All heavy atoms as atom14 arrays in JSON, in Angstrom:
{
  "sequence": "MMEQLSERDPLTGLMNRRALEARFGELRRQGFDTFALIDLD",
  "atom14_mask": [
    [1, 1, 1, 1, 1, 1, 1, 1, 0, 0, 0, 0, 0, 0],
    [1, 1, 1, 1, 1, 1, 1, 1, 0, 0, 0, 0, 0, 0],
    [1, 1, 1, 1, 1, 1, 1, 1, 1, 0, 0, 0, 0, 0],
    [1, 1, 1, 1, 1, 1, 1, 1, 1, 0, 0, 0, 0, 0],
    [1, 1, 1, 1, 1, 1, 1, 1, 0, 0, 0, 0, 0, 0],
    [1, 1, 1, 1, 1, 1, 0, 0, 0, 0, 0, 0, 0, 0],
    [1, 1, 1, 1, 1, 1, 1, 1, 1, 0, 0, 0, 0, 0],
    [1, 1, 1, 1, 1, 1, 1, 1, 1, 1, 1, 0, 0, 0],
    [1, 1, 1, 1, 1, 1, 1, 1, 0, 0, 0, 0, 0, 0],
    [1, 1, 1, 1, 1, 1, 1, 0, 0, 0, 0, 0, 0, 0],
    [1, 1, 1, 1, 1, 1, 1, 1, 0, 0, 0, 0, 0, 0],
    [1, 1, 1, 1, 1, 1, 1, 0, 0, 0, 0, 0, 0, 0],
    [1, 1, 1, 1, 0, 0, 0, 0, 0, 0, 0, 0, 0, 0],
    [1, 1, 1, 1, 1, 1, 1, 1, 0, 0, 0, 0, 0, 0],
    [1, 1, 1, 1, 1, 1, 1, 1, 0, 0, 0, 0, 0, 0],
    [1, 1, 1, 1, 1, 1, 1, 1, 0, 0, 0, 0, 0, 0],
    [1, 1, 1, 1, 1, 1, 1, 1, 1, 1, 1, 0, 0, 0],
    [1, 1, 1, 1, 1, 1, 1, 1, 1, 1, 1, 0, 0, 0],
    [1, 1, 1, 1, 1, 0, 0, 0, 0, 0, 0, 0, 0, 0],
    [1, 1, 1, 1, 1, 1, 1, 1, 0, 0, 0, 0, 0, 0],
    [1, 1, 1, 1, 1, 1, 1, 1, 1, 0, 0, 0, 0, 0],
    [1, 1, 1, 1, 1, 0, 0, 0, 0, 0, 0, 0, 0, 0],
    [1, 1, 1, 1, 1, 1, 1, 1, 1, 1, 1, 0, 0, 0],
    [1, 1, 1, 1, 1, 1, 1, 1, 1, 1, 1, 0, 0, 0],
    [1, 1, 1, 1, 0, 0, 0, 0, 0, 0, 0, 0, 0, 0],
    [1, 1, 1, 1, 1, 1, 1, 1, 1, 0, 0, 0, 0, 0],
    [1, 1, 1, 1, 1, 1, 1, 1, 0, 0, 0, 0, 0, 0],
    [1, 1, 1, 1, 1, 1, 1, 1, 1, 1, 1, 0, 0, 0],
    [1, 1, 1, 1, 1, 1, 1, 1, 1, 1, 1, 0, 0, 0],
    [1, 1, 1, 1, 1, 1, 1, 1, 1, 0, 0, 0, 0, 0],
    [1, 1, 1, 1, 0, 0, 0, 0, 0, 0, 0, 0, 0, 0],
    [1, 1, 1, 1, 1, 1, 1, 1, 1, 1, 1, 0, 0, 0],
    [1, 1, 1, 1, 1, 1, 1, 1, 0, 0, 0, 0, 0, 0],
    [1, 1, 1, 1, 1, 1, 1, 0, 0, 0, 0, 0, 0, 0],
    [1, 1, 1, 1, 1, 1, 1, 1, 1, 1, 1, 0, 0, 0],
    [1, 1, 1, 1, 1, 0, 0, 0, 0, 0, 0, 0, 0, 0],
    [1, 1, 1, 1, 1, 1, 1, 1, 0, 0, 0, 0, 0, 0],
    [1, 1, 1, 1, 1, 1, 1, 1, 0, 0, 0, 0, 0, 0],
    [1, 1, 1, 1, 1, 1, 1, 1, 0, 0, 0, 0, 0, 0],
    [1, 1, 1, 1, 1, 1, 1, 1, 0, 0, 0, 0, 0, 0],
    [1, 1, 1, 1, 1, 1, 1, 1, 0, 0, 0, 0, 0, 0]
  ],
  "atom14_positions": [
    [[132.93, 40.22, 22.25], [131.94, 41.1, 23.1], [131.21, 40.26, 24.1], [131.09, 40.53, 25.24], [130.9, 41.65, 22.01], [129.88, 42.6, 22.57], [128.8, 43.26, 21.4], [129.9, 44.15, 20.37], [0.0, 0.0, 0.0], [0.0, 0.0, 0.0], [0.0, 0.0, 0.0], [0.0, 0.0, 0.0], [0.0, 0.0, 0.0], [0.0, 0.0, 0.0]],
    [[130.93, 38.98, 23.63], [130.17, 38.11, 24.55], [131.08, 37.64, 25.65], [130.59, 37.56, 26.83], [129.64, 36.87, 23.91], [128.58, 37.09, 22.68], [127.06, 37.87, 23.43], [126.55, 36.44, 24.55], [0.0, 0.0, 0.0], [0.0, 0.0, 0.0], [0.0, 0.0, 0.0], [0.0, 0.0, 0.0], [0.0, 0.0, 0.0], [0.0, 0.0, 0.0]],
    [[132.37, 37.48, 25.43], [133.35, 37.07, 26.41], [133.52, 38.27, 27.42], [133.53, 38.02, 28.62], [134.73, 36.81, 25.81], [135.74, 36.47, 26.79], [136.97, 36.06, 26.17], [137.13, 36.2, 24.92], [137.91, 35.64, 26.87], [0.0, 0.0, 0.0], [0.0, 0.0, 0.0], [0.0, 0.0, 0.0], [0.0, 0.0, 0.0], [0.0, 0.0, 0.0]],
    [[133.54, 39.51, 26.84], [133.59, 40.67, 27.69], [132.38, 40.75, 28.67], [132.43, 41.15, 29.81], [133.82, 42.01, 26.85], [135.19, 41.99, 26.31], [135.37, 43.23, 25.47], [134.39, 43.96, 25.29], [136.63, 43.45, 24.9], [0.0, 0.0, 0.0], [0.0, 0.0, 0.0], [0.0, 0.0, 0.0], [0.0, 0.0, 0.0], [0.0, 0.0, 0.0]],
    [[131.25, 40.51, 28.0], [129.92, 40.55, 28.85], [129.96, 39.61, 29.85], [129.45, 39.8, 30.97], [128.75, 40.4, 27.88], [128.48, 41.5, 26.93], [127.34, 41.12, 25.92], [128.22, 42.85, 27.71], [0.0, 0.0, 0.0], [0.0, 0.0, 0.0], [0.0, 0.0, 0.0], [0.0, 0.0, 0.0], [0.0, 0.0, 0.0], [0.0, 0.0, 0.0]],
    [[130.66, 38.4, 29.55], [130.53, 37.29, 30.67], [131.54, 37.6, 31.59], [131.54, 37.06, 32.8], [130.82, 36.03, 29.93], [132.12, 35.92, 29.49], [0.0, 0.0, 0.0], [0.0, 0.0, 0.0], [0.0, 0.0, 0.0], [0.0, 0.0, 0.0], [0.0, 0.0, 0.0], [0.0, 0.0, 0.0], [0.0, 0.0, 0.0], [0.0, 0.0, 0.0]],
    [[132.52, 38.4, 31.41], [133.71, 38.69, 32.3], [133.51, 40.0, 32.9], [134.42, 40.62, 33.69], [135.06, 38.54, 31.65], [135.31, 37.08, 31.21], [136.62, 36.94, 30.66], [137.4, 37.89, 30.49], [137.12, 35.62, 30.51], [0.0, 0.0, 0.0], [0.0, 0.0, 0.0], [0.0, 0.0, 0.0], [0.0, 0.0, 0.0], [0.0, 0.0, 0.0]],
    [[132.59, 40.84, 32.53], [132.48, 42.24, 33.03], [131.12, 42.4, 33.79], [130.08, 41.84, 33.45], [132.5, 43.19, 31.79], [133.8, 43.28, 31.14], [134.91, 43.96, 31.87], [136.24, 43.89, 31.43], [137.31, 44.52, 31.85], [137.16, 45.26, 33.0], [138.45, 44.29, 31.31], [0.0, 0.0, 0.0], [0.0, 0.0, 0.0], [0.0, 0.0, 0.0]],
    [[131.21, 43.25, 34.83], [130.06, 43.58, 35.61], [129.14, 44.49, 34.67], [129.72, 45.54, 34.26], [130.4, 44.31, 36.87], [129.2, 44.83, 37.61], [128.33, 43.96, 37.87], [129.15, 46.07, 37.99], [0.0, 0.0, 0.0], [0.0, 0.0, 0.0], [0.0, 0.0, 0.0], [0.0, 0.0, 0.0], [0.0, 0.0, 0.0], [0.0, 0.0, 0.0]],
    [[127.94, 44.2, 34.37], [127.24, 45.01, 33.46], [126.87, 46.43, 34.0], [126.6, 47.31, 33.21], [125.91, 44.18, 33.24], [125.82, 43.31, 34.47], [127.12, 43.06, 34.79], [0.0, 0.0, 0.0], [0.0, 0.0, 0.0], [0.0, 0.0, 0.0], [0.0, 0.0, 0.0], [0.0, 0.0, 0.0], [0.0, 0.0, 0.0], [0.0, 0.0, 0.0]],
    [[126.89, 46.64, 35.32], [126.59, 47.97, 35.89], [127.81, 48.88, 35.82], [127.69, 49.89, 35.42], [125.98, 47.79, 37.3], [125.59, 49.06, 38.04], [124.46, 49.79, 37.34], [125.29, 48.85, 39.56], [0.0, 0.0, 0.0], [0.0, 0.0, 0.0], [0.0, 0.0, 0.0], [0.0, 0.0, 0.0], [0.0, 0.0, 0.0], [0.0, 0.0, 0.0]],
    [[128.84, 48.37, 36.26], [130.03, 49.24, 36.52], [131.06, 49.18, 35.47], [131.88, 50.0, 35.2], [130.72, 48.98, 37.83], [131.21, 47.68, 37.84], [129.77, 49.07, 38.94], [0.0, 0.0, 0.0], [0.0, 0.0, 0.0], [0.0, 0.0, 0.0], [0.0, 0.0, 0.0], [0.0, 0.0, 0.0], [0.0, 0.0, 0.0], [0.0, 0.0, 0.0]],
    [[131.0, 48.11, 34.55], [132.0, 47.83, 33.61], [133.34, 47.17, 34.1], [134.22, 46.96, 33.41], [0.0, 0.0, 0.0], [0.0, 0.0, 0.0], [0.0, 0.0, 0.0], [0.0, 0.0, 0.0], [0.0, 0.0, 0.0], [0.0, 0.0, 0.0], [0.0, 0.0, 0.0], [0.0, 0.0, 0.0], [0.0, 0.0, 0.0], [0.0, 0.0, 0.0]],
    [[133.41, 46.99, 35.46], [134.61, 46.42, 36.0], [134.64, 44.83, 35.73], [133.61, 44.22, 35.43], [134.63, 46.67, 37.58], [134.79, 48.05, 37.86], [134.87, 48.21, 39.46], [135.88, 48.75, 37.36], [0.0, 0.0, 0.0], [0.0, 0.0, 0.0], [0.0, 0.0, 0.0], [0.0, 0.0, 0.0], [0.0, 0.0, 0.0], [0.0, 0.0, 0.0]],
    [[135.8, 44.29, 35.89], [135.95, 42.82, 35.88], [135.03, 42.27, 36.96], [135.02, 42.83, 38.08], [137.39, 42.42, 35.95], [137.71, 40.94, 35.85], [139.37, 40.43, 36.33], [140.27, 41.54, 35.28], [0.0, 0.0, 0.0], [0.0, 0.0, 0.0], [0.0, 0.0, 0.0], [0.0, 0.0, 0.0], [0.0, 0.0, 0.0], [0.0, 0.0, 0.0]],
    [[134.43, 41.04, 36.58], [133.51, 40.52, 37.65], [134.32, 39.34, 38.38], [135.45, 38.97, 37.99], [132.19, 39.95, 37.03], [132.44, 38.9, 35.96], [133.39, 38.29, 35.95], [131.5, 38.81, 35.09], [0.0, 0.0, 0.0], [0.0, 0.0, 0.0], [0.0, 0.0, 0.0], [0.0, 0.0, 0.0], [0.0, 0.0, 0.0], [0.0, 0.0, 0.0]],
    [[133.6, 38.75, 39.32], [134.22, 37.71, 40.22], [134.7, 36.58, 39.36], [135.77, 35.93, 39.49], [133.32, 37.2, 41.3], [134.03, 36.23, 42.24], [133.05, 36.01, 43.44], [133.72, 35.08, 44.28], [133.44, 35.16, 45.65], [132.74, 36.02, 46.24], [134.07, 34.15, 46.43], [0.0, 0.0, 0.0], [0.0, 0.0, 0.0], [0.0, 0.0, 0.0]],
    [[133.89, 36.1, 38.32], [134.18, 34.85, 37.55], [135.5, 35.08, 36.85], [136.28, 34.23, 36.69], [133.0, 34.75, 36.6], [133.26, 33.62, 35.53], [132.17, 33.69, 34.51], [132.47, 32.66, 33.43], [131.6, 32.5, 32.46], [130.42, 33.12, 32.36], [131.96, 31.55, 31.45], [0.0, 0.0, 0.0], [0.0, 0.0, 0.0], [0.0, 0.0, 0.0]],
    [[135.75, 36.33, 36.26], [136.88, 36.62, 35.51], [138.14, 36.65, 36.41], [139.19, 36.16, 36.2], [136.73, 37.93, 34.74], [0.0, 0.0, 0.0], [0.0, 0.0, 0.0], [0.0, 0.0, 0.0], [0.0, 0.0, 0.0], [0.0, 0.0, 0.0], [0.0, 0.0, 0.0], [0.0, 0.0, 0.0], [0.0, 0.0, 0.0], [0.0, 0.0, 0.0]],
    [[137.99, 37.23, 37.52], [138.97, 37.36, 38.54], [139.49, 36.01, 39.02], [140.7, 35.63, 39.06], [138.65, 38.25, 39.72], [139.57, 38.3, 40.94], [140.84, 38.97, 40.47], [139.01, 39.02, 42.09], [0.0, 0.0, 0.0], [0.0, 0.0, 0.0], [0.0, 0.0, 0.0], [0.0, 0.0, 0.0], [0.0, 0.0, 0.0], [0.0, 0.0, 0.0]],
    [[138.64, 35.08, 39.37], [138.9, 33.7, 39.73], [139.7, 33.02, 38.72], [140.63, 32.21, 39.02], [137.75, 33.06, 40.22], [137.07, 33.51, 41.51], [135.98, 32.64, 41.92], [135.67, 31.73, 41.28], [135.39, 33.01, 43.07], [0.0, 0.0, 0.0], [0.0, 0.0, 0.0], [0.0, 0.0, 0.0], [0.0, 0.0, 0.0], [0.0, 0.0, 0.0]],
    [[139.27, 33.11, 37.48], [139.85, 32.47, 36.33], [141.3, 32.94, 36.09], [142.16, 32.16, 35.69], [139.03, 32.67, 35.08], [0.0, 0.0, 0.0], [0.0, 0.0, 0.0], [0.0, 0.0, 0.0], [0.0, 0.0, 0.0], [0.0, 0.0, 0.0], [0.0, 0.0, 0.0], [0.0, 0.0, 0.0], [0.0, 0.0, 0.0], [0.0, 0.0, 0.0]],
    [[141.61, 34.19, 36.3], [142.81, 34.84, 35.97], [143.66, 35.03, 37.2], [144.75, 35.68, 37.05], [142.62, 36.1, 35.22], [141.87, 36.06, 33.88], [141.65, 37.34, 33.32], [142.81, 38.06, 33.06], [142.84, 39.43, 32.83], [141.69, 40.03, 32.71], [143.98, 40.04, 32.71], [0.0, 0.0, 0.0], [0.0, 0.0, 0.0], [0.0, 0.0, 0.0]],
    [[143.22, 34.65, 38.38], [143.88, 35.07, 39.69], [145.32, 34.53, 39.7], [146.3, 35.29, 40.04], [143.14, 34.56, 40.78], [143.68, 35.17, 42.12], [143.41, 36.61, 42.41], [144.44, 34.39, 42.97], [143.92, 37.06, 43.59], [144.86, 34.96, 44.13], [144.62, 36.29, 44.51], [0.0, 0.0, 0.0], [0.0, 0.0, 0.0], [0.0, 0.0, 0.0]],
    [[145.48, 33.32, 39.31], [146.89, 32.81, 39.37], [147.87, 33.56, 38.43], [148.98, 33.86, 38.78], [0.0, 0.0, 0.0], [0.0, 0.0, 0.0], [0.0, 0.0, 0.0], [0.0, 0.0, 0.0], [0.0, 0.0, 0.0], [0.0, 0.0, 0.0], [0.0, 0.0, 0.0], [0.0, 0.0, 0.0], [0.0, 0.0, 0.0], [0.0, 0.0, 0.0]],
    [[147.4, 33.89, 37.22], [148.26, 34.55, 36.23], [148.55, 35.96, 36.73], [149.69, 36.44, 36.57], [147.48, 34.65, 34.89], [148.31, 35.38, 33.76], [149.62, 34.83, 33.53], [149.8, 33.56, 33.61], [150.5, 35.56, 33.09], [0.0, 0.0, 0.0], [0.0, 0.0, 0.0], [0.0, 0.0, 0.0], [0.0, 0.0, 0.0], [0.0, 0.0, 0.0]],
    [[147.52, 36.67, 37.29], [147.81, 37.99, 37.9], [148.78, 37.91, 39.03], [149.66, 38.81, 39.15], [146.49, 38.63, 38.33], [145.37, 38.9, 37.15], [144.11, 39.34, 37.82], [145.99, 39.93, 36.33], [0.0, 0.0, 0.0], [0.0, 0.0, 0.0], [0.0, 0.0, 0.0], [0.0, 0.0, 0.0], [0.0, 0.0, 0.0], [0.0, 0.0, 0.0]],
    [[148.72, 36.88, 39.82], [149.7, 36.87, 40.94], [151.13, 36.66, 40.41], [151.98, 37.35, 40.92], [149.42, 35.61, 41.84], [148.14, 35.75, 42.68], [148.53, 36.71, 43.91], [149.39, 36.07, 44.91], [150.65, 36.51, 45.07], [151.05, 37.53, 44.58], [151.29, 35.85, 45.99], [0.0, 0.0, 0.0], [0.0, 0.0, 0.0], [0.0, 0.0, 0.0]],
    [[151.17, 35.91, 39.27], [152.53, 35.65, 38.69], [153.04, 36.92, 38.02], [154.24, 37.12, 37.77], [152.44, 34.55, 37.65], [152.5, 33.09, 38.31], [152.64, 32.01, 37.35], [151.45, 31.98, 36.47], [150.41, 31.22, 36.73], [150.24, 30.53, 37.84], [149.37, 31.16, 35.86], [0.0, 0.0, 0.0], [0.0, 0.0, 0.0], [0.0, 0.0, 0.0]],
    [[152.1, 37.8, 37.71], [152.59, 39.08, 37.12], [152.81, 40.13, 38.14], [153.19, 41.35, 37.72], [151.29, 39.7, 36.18], [151.09, 38.83, 34.95], [149.9, 39.3, 34.16], [149.38, 40.43, 34.4], [149.51, 38.52, 33.13], [0.0, 0.0, 0.0], [0.0, 0.0, 0.0], [0.0, 0.0, 0.0], [0.0, 0.0, 0.0], [0.0, 0.0, 0.0]],
    [[152.84, 39.8, 39.4], [153.28, 40.7, 40.37], [152.19, 41.32, 41.22], [152.6, 42.18, 42.01], [0.0, 0.0, 0.0], [0.0, 0.0, 0.0], [0.0, 0.0, 0.0], [0.0, 0.0, 0.0], [0.0, 0.0, 0.0], [0.0, 0.0, 0.0], [0.0, 0.0, 0.0], [0.0, 0.0, 0.0], [0.0, 0.0, 0.0], [0.0, 0.0, 0.0]],
    [[150.95, 41.12, 40.96], [149.9, 41.7, 41.71], [149.86, 40.91, 43.1], [149.16, 40.0, 43.29], [148.56, 41.57, 41.1], [148.46, 42.51, 39.87], [148.82, 42.17, 38.59], [148.04, 43.84, 40.02], [148.78, 42.86, 37.48], [147.91, 44.64, 38.92], [148.33, 44.27, 37.66], [0.0, 0.0, 0.0], [0.0, 0.0, 0.0], [0.0, 0.0, 0.0]],
    [[150.54, 41.68, 44.06], [150.76, 41.03, 45.42], [150.07, 41.72, 46.46], [150.28, 41.28, 47.68], [152.18, 40.78, 45.78], [152.97, 42.12, 45.57], [152.35, 43.3, 45.44], [154.17, 42.04, 45.56], [0.0, 0.0, 0.0], [0.0, 0.0, 0.0], [0.0, 0.0, 0.0], [0.0, 0.0, 0.0], [0.0, 0.0, 0.0], [0.0, 0.0, 0.0]],
    [[149.18, 42.56, 46.32], [148.4, 43.28, 47.3], [146.99, 43.16, 46.93], [146.51, 43.48, 45.95], [148.71, 44.81, 47.32], [150.17, 44.94, 47.55], [147.98, 45.49, 48.34], [0.0, 0.0, 0.0], [0.0, 0.0, 0.0], [0.0, 0.0, 0.0], [0.0, 0.0, 0.0], [0.0, 0.0, 0.0], [0.0, 0.0, 0.0], [0.0, 0.0, 0.0]],
    [[146.22, 42.61, 47.9], [144.93, 42.31, 47.8], [144.07, 43.09, 48.68], [144.24, 42.99, 49.95], [144.68, 40.77, 48.11], [143.26, 40.21, 47.87], [142.99, 39.53, 46.61], [142.25, 40.43, 48.78], [141.7, 39.01, 46.46], [140.91, 39.87, 48.55], [140.65, 39.14, 47.48], [0.0, 0.0, 0.0], [0.0, 0.0, 0.0], [0.0, 0.0, 0.0]],
    [[143.15, 43.93, 48.24], [142.29, 44.91, 49.02], [140.89, 44.69, 48.85], [140.41, 44.67, 47.7], [142.7, 46.34, 48.68], [0.0, 0.0, 0.0], [0.0, 0.0, 0.0], [0.0, 0.0, 0.0], [0.0, 0.0, 0.0], [0.0, 0.0, 0.0], [0.0, 0.0, 0.0], [0.0, 0.0, 0.0], [0.0, 0.0, 0.0], [0.0, 0.0, 0.0]],
    [[140.09, 44.36, 49.93], [138.74, 44.17, 49.87], [137.96, 45.3, 50.31], [138.22, 45.83, 51.45], [138.34, 42.87, 50.66], [136.92, 42.4, 50.55], [136.33, 42.06, 49.15], [136.69, 41.32, 51.48], [0.0, 0.0, 0.0], [0.0, 0.0, 0.0], [0.0, 0.0, 0.0], [0.0, 0.0, 0.0], [0.0, 0.0, 0.0], [0.0, 0.0, 0.0]],
    [[137.07, 46.04, 49.46], [136.47, 47.16, 49.83], [134.91, 46.94, 49.9], [134.45, 46.3, 49.06], [136.76, 48.32, 48.79], [138.23, 48.5, 48.66], [135.97, 49.56, 49.04], [138.58, 49.57, 47.51], [0.0, 0.0, 0.0], [0.0, 0.0, 0.0], [0.0, 0.0, 0.0], [0.0, 0.0, 0.0], [0.0, 0.0, 0.0], [0.0, 0.0, 0.0]],
    [[134.37, 47.59, 50.85], [132.84, 47.49, 51.11], [132.27, 48.68, 51.36], [132.83, 49.4, 52.42], [132.51, 46.34, 52.08], [131.03, 46.09, 52.25], [130.54, 45.2, 51.51], [130.35, 46.75, 52.9], [0.0, 0.0, 0.0], [0.0, 0.0, 0.0], [0.0, 0.0, 0.0], [0.0, 0.0, 0.0], [0.0, 0.0, 0.0], [0.0, 0.0, 0.0]],
    [[131.25, 49.18, 50.73], [130.59, 50.48, 51.15], [129.84, 50.28, 52.45], [129.11, 49.41, 52.65], [129.51, 50.86, 50.08], [130.24, 51.19, 48.7], [129.19, 51.62, 47.66], [131.34, 52.27, 48.76], [0.0, 0.0, 0.0], [0.0, 0.0, 0.0], [0.0, 0.0, 0.0], [0.0, 0.0, 0.0], [0.0, 0.0, 0.0], [0.0, 0.0, 0.0]],
    [[130.01, 51.27, 53.37], [129.39, 51.38, 54.59], [127.87, 51.68, 54.65], [127.48, 52.66, 53.86], [130.13, 52.37, 55.54], [131.52, 51.96, 55.73], [131.88, 50.72, 55.66], [132.44, 52.86, 55.87], [0.0, 0.0, 0.0], [0.0, 0.0, 0.0], [0.0, 0.0, 0.0], [0.0, 0.0, 0.0], [0.0, 0.0, 0.0], [0.0, 0.0, 0.0]]
  ]
}
């Protein structure tokens, strides 16, 4: 639970930046080859 809290955004429940950076290499090796950056206008 604490690990999830540290890797999850408390407002939205999505993975946070810390978790993404830690797992990015593994995700790339798993085939996630499209990177989309979204920003609300």
